[in-house]
Amino acid sequence: MGPLAGALGRWIYGAVKPPPPPPRICGTPGGPPVTAPRVRLSDGRHLAYAESGARKEDARYKVVFSHGFTGSRHDTIRPSLEVAEELGVYMVGFDRAGYGESDPNPNRSVKSAALDVEELADALGLGPKFYVIGISLGCHAVWGALKYIPERIAGAAMMAPVVNYWWPGFPADLAAEVYKKQEVGDQWALRVSHYAPGILHWWMDQSWLPTSTVVAGTTPLPNKRDAEIRAKLKADGTFQQKMELATQQGIHESYYRDMMVMFGKWEFDPMSLPKPPCPVHIWQGDEDGLVPVVLQRHIVSRLSWVNYHELPATGHFLSPVPGLGDTVLQTLFGNAKQ
């Protein structure tokens, strides 16, 4: 997976040193307009957010959502309003740094993602403890929260969390075997993200190089529902519209920084985390074409404190699974102590 690609990347970077284009920051001259409510962080950046569920003033539980790759502040697990209000669950999603209407962060990391969650919760007055739910690649913020701010987390859920093939807790042969089953373009995009992130934007911009099928929306999806959902989104223009909104400040600041953070070198291995002072759940489909179920199974085999829910005949897109959003809330809060 590695040394040759790393050497190639370093050689290209030394020869080309291609700078990414500057971001088009929302609310600045020539930049996209600000249309969403936003909070100001301690470093001066803004995070845009969207609320749903029970009214914050009436809620017993407060949840922060961390959206996935290509997502936005509007992404949730799609619970019914009736269940959310019955359980008293207030939910807030936010555009992660560089996405949508949230300011870019050139120093993005797993830690900064967790601290953004904490600052958002404090700015909105969610109290000393709150819940976090991550979707797909956005789950790096949840792992980060369990590492860096565990005392603030009342409970956590991860929906089809993306894995980093270079986490030390994976057996090298297993990680390599699964890695090689990816499309060639995805293998290269991840290699560059990990070993030579400085050239990722340049690499992804070259039509003659193998690049990410996930970004292009062409990854083979073994699950029928996943394939049908993606086909519909592409046919009606939703796929393109979501991409334009997510990347309006620059694809480098959103998609590519996501790839560099998720598949780069982490400061910790999630499989080495101690048991946190809160319940943690993972939901995973056994026909996920983007996150290998065998690696998810290995993670939870290492972390006995994770409550693992594997869904049969289910793919990567979990929010459209009928009733799953309600199930997640009922699992987290149905028997929770107030």
Protein backbone atom coordinates (compact mmCIF):
# COMPACT_ATOMS: atom_id res chain seq x y z
CA MET A 1 0.00 0.00 0.00
CA GLY A 2 2.81 2.25 0.44
CA PRO A 3 6.54 3.02 0.17
CA LEU A 4 6.68 3.22 -3.63
CA ALA A 5 3.62 5.46 -3.73
CA GLY A 6 5.10 7.64 -1.03
CA ALA A 7 8.37 8.02 -2.92
CA LEU A 8 6.51 8.81 -6.14
CA GLY A 9 4.39 11.38 -4.37
CA ARG A 10 7.37 13.10 -2.79
CA TRP A 11 9.13 13.20 -6.17
CA ILE A 12 6.09 14.75 -7.86
CA TYR A 13 5.65 17.25 -5.06
CA GLY A 14 9.31 18.25 -5.27
CA ALA A 15 9.08 18.67 -9.03
CA VAL A 16 5.71 20.38 -9.26
CA LYS A 17 4.75 21.84 -5.85
CA PRO A 18 1.26 22.64 -7.14
CA PRO A 19 -0.60 24.99 -4.79
CA PRO A 20 -4.35 24.45 -4.36
CA PRO A 21 -6.54 27.36 -5.40
CA PRO A 22 -7.53 29.79 -2.62
CA PRO A 23 -10.97 29.19 -1.08
CA ARG A 24 -14.00 31.32 -1.92
CA ILE A 25 -15.07 32.07 1.65
CA CYS A 26 -18.77 32.63 2.30
CA GLY A 27 -19.73 36.22 2.97
CA THR A 28 -16.59 37.71 1.46
CA PRO A 29 -16.44 39.69 -1.80
CA GLY A 30 -16.87 37.23 -4.64
CA GLY A 31 -17.69 34.40 -2.29
CA PRO A 32 -20.99 32.54 -1.83
CA PRO A 33 -23.63 34.22 0.35
CA VAL A 34 -24.30 33.29 3.97
CA THR A 35 -27.86 31.96 4.23
CA ALA A 36 -27.68 29.71 7.32
CA PRO A 37 -27.37 30.52 11.02
CA ARG A 38 -23.74 30.32 12.11
CA VAL A 39 -21.70 30.39 15.31
CA ARG A 40 -18.32 32.06 15.66
CA LEU A 41 -15.50 29.89 17.03
CA SER A 42 -12.59 30.96 19.24
CA ASP A 43 -10.23 31.12 16.25
CA GLY A 44 -12.60 33.40 14.33
CA ARG A 45 -14.03 30.76 11.98
CA HIS A 46 -17.77 30.26 11.57
CA LEU A 47 -19.77 27.02 11.55
CA ALA A 48 -23.14 26.91 9.80
CA TYR A 49 -25.79 24.69 11.38
CA ALA A 50 -29.35 23.39 11.02
CA GLU A 51 -31.65 22.26 13.83
CA SER A 52 -34.28 19.51 13.87
CA GLY A 53 -36.25 17.32 16.24
CA ALA A 54 -37.67 18.57 19.54
CA ARG A 55 -37.34 22.22 20.49
CA LYS A 56 -34.05 22.82 22.29
CA GLU A 57 -35.85 24.43 25.21
CA ASP A 58 -38.04 21.35 25.69
CA ALA A 59 -35.48 18.64 24.90
CA ARG A 60 -34.14 16.09 27.38
CA TYR A 61 -31.30 15.06 25.07
CA LYS A 62 -29.12 17.08 22.72
CA VAL A 63 -27.40 15.52 19.70
CA VAL A 64 -24.73 16.92 17.38
CA PHE A 65 -24.50 15.33 13.91
CA SER A 66 -21.24 15.10 11.97
CA HIS A 67 -22.12 14.60 8.29
CA GLY A 68 -20.32 12.35 5.86
CA PHE A 69 -18.25 12.89 2.73
CA THR A 70 -20.14 15.13 0.26
CA GLY A 71 -22.72 15.91 2.99
CA SER A 72 -24.04 19.01 4.73
CA ARG A 73 -25.63 20.41 7.86
CA HIS A 74 -28.97 19.04 6.69
CA ASP A 75 -27.86 15.40 6.83
CA THR A 76 -29.34 13.32 9.64
CA ILE A 77 -30.32 9.72 10.28
CA ARG A 78 -33.87 10.78 9.31
CA PRO A 79 -35.85 9.86 12.41
CA SER A 80 -39.52 10.73 12.45
CA LEU A 81 -40.42 13.99 14.16
CA GLU A 82 -42.94 12.06 16.28
CA VAL A 83 -40.26 9.80 17.77
CA ALA A 84 -37.81 12.67 18.27
CA GLU A 85 -40.44 14.73 20.09
CA GLU A 86 -41.71 11.77 22.10
CA LEU A 87 -38.20 11.02 23.34
CA GLY A 88 -37.34 14.70 23.69
CA VAL A 89 -34.36 14.71 21.29
CA TYR A 90 -33.02 17.98 19.90
CA MET A 91 -30.64 17.54 16.96
CA VAL A 92 -28.23 19.90 15.26
CA GLY A 93 -26.17 19.22 12.16
CA PHE A 94 -23.40 21.48 10.96
CA ASP A 95 -21.34 21.99 7.84
CA ARG A 96 -17.94 20.66 8.76
CA ALA A 97 -15.02 23.04 8.16
CA GLY A 98 -14.76 24.03 4.50
CA TYR A 99 -18.12 22.50 3.59
CA GLY A 100 -21.20 24.47 2.64
CA GLU A 101 -21.24 27.72 4.61
CA SER A 102 -18.67 26.85 7.30
CA ASP A 103 -15.33 28.60 7.01
CA PRO A 104 -12.38 26.51 5.81
CA ASN A 105 -9.72 25.38 8.26
CA PRO A 106 -6.29 24.89 6.65
CA ASN A 107 -5.20 23.10 9.83
CA ARG A 108 -8.00 20.54 9.88
CA SER A 109 -7.33 17.35 11.81
CA VAL A 110 -9.20 14.68 13.73
CA LYS A 111 -8.66 16.75 16.88
CA SER A 112 -9.91 19.98 15.32
CA ALA A 113 -13.06 18.17 14.13
CA ALA A 114 -13.78 17.07 17.70
CA LEU A 115 -13.12 20.53 19.09
CA ASP A 116 -15.43 22.07 16.47
CA VAL A 117 -18.19 19.80 17.78
CA GLU A 118 -17.47 20.92 21.34
CA GLU A 119 -17.41 24.63 20.46
CA LEU A 120 -20.65 24.33 18.50
CA ALA A 121 -22.33 22.61 21.46
CA ASP A 122 -21.12 25.30 23.83
CA ALA A 123 -22.16 28.14 21.53
CA LEU A 124 -25.66 26.66 21.32
CA GLY A 125 -25.87 26.02 25.06
CA LEU A 126 -26.25 22.24 24.89
CA GLY A 127 -24.98 21.75 28.42
CA PRO A 128 -22.01 19.98 30.04
CA LYS A 129 -22.73 16.72 28.21
CA PHE A 130 -24.25 16.00 24.81
CA TYR A 131 -24.51 13.14 22.31
CA VAL A 132 -22.67 12.81 19.01
CA ILE A 133 -23.72 10.89 15.92
CA GLY A 134 -21.38 10.53 12.98
CA ILE A 135 -22.26 9.49 9.46
CA SER A 136 -19.74 7.67 7.25
CA LEU A 137 -16.50 9.66 6.91
CA GLY A 138 -17.83 12.21 9.42
CA CYS A 139 -17.30 9.59 12.12
CA HIS A 140 -13.68 10.71 12.43
CA ALA A 141 -15.09 13.56 14.54
CA VAL A 142 -16.75 11.00 16.82
CA TRP A 143 -13.55 9.01 17.26
CA GLY A 144 -11.86 12.34 17.94
CA ALA A 145 -14.47 13.27 20.54
CA LEU A 146 -13.96 9.94 22.33
CA LYS A 147 -10.23 10.64 22.36
CA TYR A 148 -10.03 14.35 23.11
CA ILE A 149 -13.27 15.35 24.89
CA PRO A 150 -14.68 12.11 26.40
CA GLU A 151 -15.87 13.96 29.51
CA ARG A 152 -18.28 15.99 27.34
CA ILE A 153 -19.87 13.02 25.57
CA ALA A 154 -23.03 11.45 27.03
CA GLY A 155 -23.24 8.86 24.26
CA ALA A 156 -22.07 8.26 20.70
CA ALA A 157 -23.27 6.51 17.58
CA MET A 158 -21.47 5.93 14.29
CA MET A 159 -23.31 5.04 11.11
CA ALA A 160 -21.13 3.01 8.69
CA PRO A 161 -17.96 4.71 9.94
CA VAL A 162 -15.20 4.96 7.33
CA VAL A 163 -11.94 3.25 8.28
CA ASN A 164 -8.31 4.21 7.76
CA TYR A 165 -6.40 1.27 6.29
CA TRP A 166 -3.23 2.47 8.03
CA TRP A 167 -4.57 2.25 11.59
CA PRO A 168 -1.98 0.12 13.43
CA GLY A 169 -4.65 -2.07 15.00
CA PHE A 170 -5.43 -3.73 11.68
CA PRO A 171 -3.42 -6.85 10.81
CA ALA A 172 -1.27 -5.75 7.88
CA ASP A 173 -2.24 -8.71 5.71
CA LEU A 174 -5.97 -8.18 6.27
CA ALA A 175 -5.78 -4.44 5.55
CA ALA A 176 -3.70 -5.04 2.41
CA GLU A 177 -6.05 -7.75 1.15
CA VAL A 178 -9.13 -5.56 1.51
CA TYR A 179 -7.36 -2.47 0.20
CA LYS A 180 -6.48 -4.23 -3.05
CA LYS A 181 -10.16 -5.01 -3.67
CA GLN A 182 -10.90 -1.32 -4.18
CA GLU A 183 -11.01 0.31 -7.58
CA VAL A 184 -7.50 1.26 -8.75
CA GLY A 185 -8.37 4.96 -8.73
CA ASP A 186 -9.49 4.79 -5.11
CA GLN A 187 -6.35 2.94 -4.10
CA TRP A 188 -4.27 5.72 -5.60
CA ALA A 189 -6.38 8.54 -4.18
CA LEU A 190 -6.00 7.08 -0.70
CA ARG A 191 -2.26 6.49 -1.16
CA VAL A 192 -1.74 10.09 -2.16
CA SER A 193 -3.96 11.30 0.72
CA HIS A 194 -1.82 9.33 3.16
CA TYR A 195 1.71 9.65 1.82
CA ALA A 196 1.72 12.86 -0.24
CA PRO A 197 -1.27 15.02 0.77
CA GLY A 198 0.45 18.13 -0.60
CA ILE A 199 -0.22 16.98 -4.16
CA LEU A 200 -3.72 15.59 -3.67
CA HIS A 201 -5.49 18.52 -5.32
CA TRP A 202 -3.11 18.40 -8.28
CA TRP A 203 -3.45 14.60 -8.55
CA MET A 204 -7.23 14.66 -8.48
CA ASP A 205 -7.23 17.36 -11.17
CA GLN A 206 -5.31 15.23 -13.70
CA SER A 207 -7.57 13.37 -16.12
CA TRP A 208 -4.73 11.00 -17.07
CA LEU A 209 -4.16 9.78 -13.51
CA PRO A 210 -6.26 7.19 -11.61
CA THR A 211 -8.48 9.14 -9.20
CA SER A 212 -11.32 8.57 -6.76
CA THR A 213 -14.47 6.85 -7.99
CA VAL A 214 -16.14 7.95 -4.75
CA VAL A 215 -15.77 11.60 -5.73
CA ALA A 216 -16.97 10.79 -9.25
CA GLY A 217 -19.89 8.75 -7.95
CA THR A 218 -18.94 5.68 -9.99
CA THR A 219 -17.85 3.22 -7.28
CA PRO A 220 -19.42 -0.21 -7.82
CA LEU A 221 -22.06 -0.69 -5.12
CA PRO A 222 -22.96 -4.32 -4.36
CA ASN A 223 -26.11 -3.47 -2.42
CA LYS A 224 -29.23 -3.02 -4.55
CA ARG A 225 -30.72 -0.20 -2.46
CA ASP A 226 -27.43 1.74 -2.52
CA ALA A 227 -27.15 1.40 -6.29
CA GLU A 228 -30.76 2.49 -6.83
CA ILE A 229 -30.44 5.48 -4.49
CA ARG A 230 -27.29 6.73 -6.19
CA ALA A 231 -28.76 6.21 -9.66
CA LYS A 232 -31.81 8.25 -8.70
CA LEU A 233 -29.71 11.04 -7.18
CA LYS A 234 -27.62 11.29 -10.34
CA ALA A 235 -30.63 11.10 -12.66
CA ASP A 236 -32.59 13.91 -10.99
CA GLY A 237 -29.57 16.17 -10.51
CA THR A 238 -29.46 15.88 -6.72
CA PHE A 239 -25.97 14.32 -6.75
CA GLN A 240 -24.55 17.29 -8.67
CA GLN A 241 -26.48 19.82 -6.61
CA LYS A 242 -25.22 18.35 -3.34
CA MET A 243 -21.67 18.40 -4.66
CA GLU A 244 -21.93 22.04 -5.76
CA LEU A 245 -23.27 23.11 -2.37
CA ALA A 246 -20.71 21.10 -0.41
CA THR A 247 -17.77 22.34 -2.45
CA GLN A 248 -18.87 25.94 -3.14
CA GLN A 249 -15.89 27.33 -1.19
CA GLY A 250 -13.51 24.97 -2.98
CA ILE A 251 -13.31 21.22 -3.44
CA HIS A 252 -9.87 21.27 -1.83
CA GLU A 253 -11.25 22.76 1.39
CA SER A 254 -14.07 20.22 1.63
CA TYR A 255 -13.62 16.88 -0.13
CA TYR A 256 -9.84 16.82 -0.38
CA ARG A 257 -9.14 17.97 3.17
CA ASP A 258 -11.62 15.31 4.28
CA MET A 259 -9.55 12.69 2.47
CA MET A 260 -6.29 14.01 3.91
CA VAL A 261 -7.66 13.95 7.47
CA MET A 262 -9.45 10.61 7.24
CA PHE A 263 -6.72 8.69 5.43
CA GLY A 264 -3.72 10.60 6.70
CA LYS A 265 -1.57 9.84 9.72
CA TRP A 266 -3.66 9.87 12.90
CA GLU A 267 -2.29 10.83 16.30
CA PHE A 268 -3.98 7.79 17.82
CA ASP A 269 -5.41 4.42 16.84
CA PRO A 270 -9.13 4.11 17.61
CA MET A 271 -8.53 0.45 18.43
CA SER A 272 -6.29 1.53 21.30
CA LEU A 273 -8.81 3.85 22.94
CA PRO A 274 -9.72 3.09 26.56
CA LYS A 275 -13.35 2.47 27.43
CA PRO A 276 -15.07 5.87 27.41
CA PRO A 277 -17.44 7.02 30.17
CA CYS A 278 -20.46 6.68 27.86
CA PRO A 279 -22.18 4.10 25.63
CA VAL A 280 -20.93 3.83 22.04
CA HIS A 281 -22.83 2.22 19.15
CA ILE A 282 -21.85 1.32 15.60
CA TRP A 283 -24.32 0.45 12.85
CA GLN A 284 -22.88 -1.26 9.76
CA GLY A 285 -24.40 -2.90 6.70
CA ASP A 286 -22.99 -6.28 5.69
CA GLU A 287 -23.16 -5.33 1.97
CA ASP A 288 -21.38 -2.00 2.33
CA GLY A 289 -19.42 -1.30 -0.85
CA LEU A 290 -17.51 1.64 0.62
CA VAL A 291 -16.56 0.43 4.12
CA PRO A 292 -15.38 -3.20 4.28
CA VAL A 293 -17.46 -5.04 6.84
CA VAL A 294 -14.53 -7.33 7.68
CA LEU A 295 -12.53 -4.34 8.92
CA GLN A 296 -15.47 -3.03 10.94
CA ARG A 297 -15.81 -6.45 12.55
CA HIS A 298 -12.13 -6.37 13.44
CA ILE A 299 -12.48 -2.96 15.08
CA VAL A 300 -15.35 -4.06 17.29
CA SER A 301 -13.55 -7.30 18.14
CA ARG A 302 -10.80 -5.11 19.60
CA LEU A 303 -13.20 -2.76 21.40
CA SER A 304 -15.45 -4.83 23.62
CA TRP A 305 -17.23 -1.70 24.84
CA VAL A 306 -18.71 -0.91 21.41
CA ASN A 307 -22.32 -2.00 20.92
CA TYR A 308 -22.25 -3.34 17.37
CA HIS A 309 -25.33 -3.58 15.15
CA GLU A 310 -24.72 -5.31 11.83
CA LEU A 311 -27.58 -5.00 9.36
CA PRO A 312 -28.12 -7.90 6.93
CA ALA A 313 -28.55 -7.22 3.20
CA THR A 314 -27.80 -3.55 3.85
CA GLY A 315 -25.29 -1.25 2.18
CA HIS A 316 -23.54 2.00 3.05
CA PHE A 317 -26.42 4.46 2.82
CA LEU A 318 -28.08 3.89 6.18
CA SER A 319 -30.22 7.01 6.59
CA PRO A 320 -32.73 5.84 3.91
CA VAL A 321 -33.14 2.40 5.56
CA PRO A 322 -36.82 2.38 6.62
CA GLY A 323 -37.24 2.92 10.35
CA LEU A 324 -33.52 2.88 11.16
CA GLY A 325 -33.44 6.52 12.28
CA ASP A 326 -36.18 5.83 14.82
CA THR A 327 -34.38 2.66 15.93
CA VAL A 328 -31.16 4.58 16.56
CA LEU A 329 -32.91 7.20 18.70
CA GLN A 330 -34.87 4.55 20.60
CA THR A 331 -31.65 2.60 21.19
CA LEU A 332 -29.83 5.67 22.47
CA PHE A 333 -32.65 7.27 24.45
CA GLY A 334 -35.45 4.78 24.94
CA ASN A 335 -33.91 3.53 28.17
CA ALA A 336 -31.61 6.46 28.87
CA LYS A 337 -31.56 8.01 32.29
CA GLN A 338 -32.62 11.63 32.34
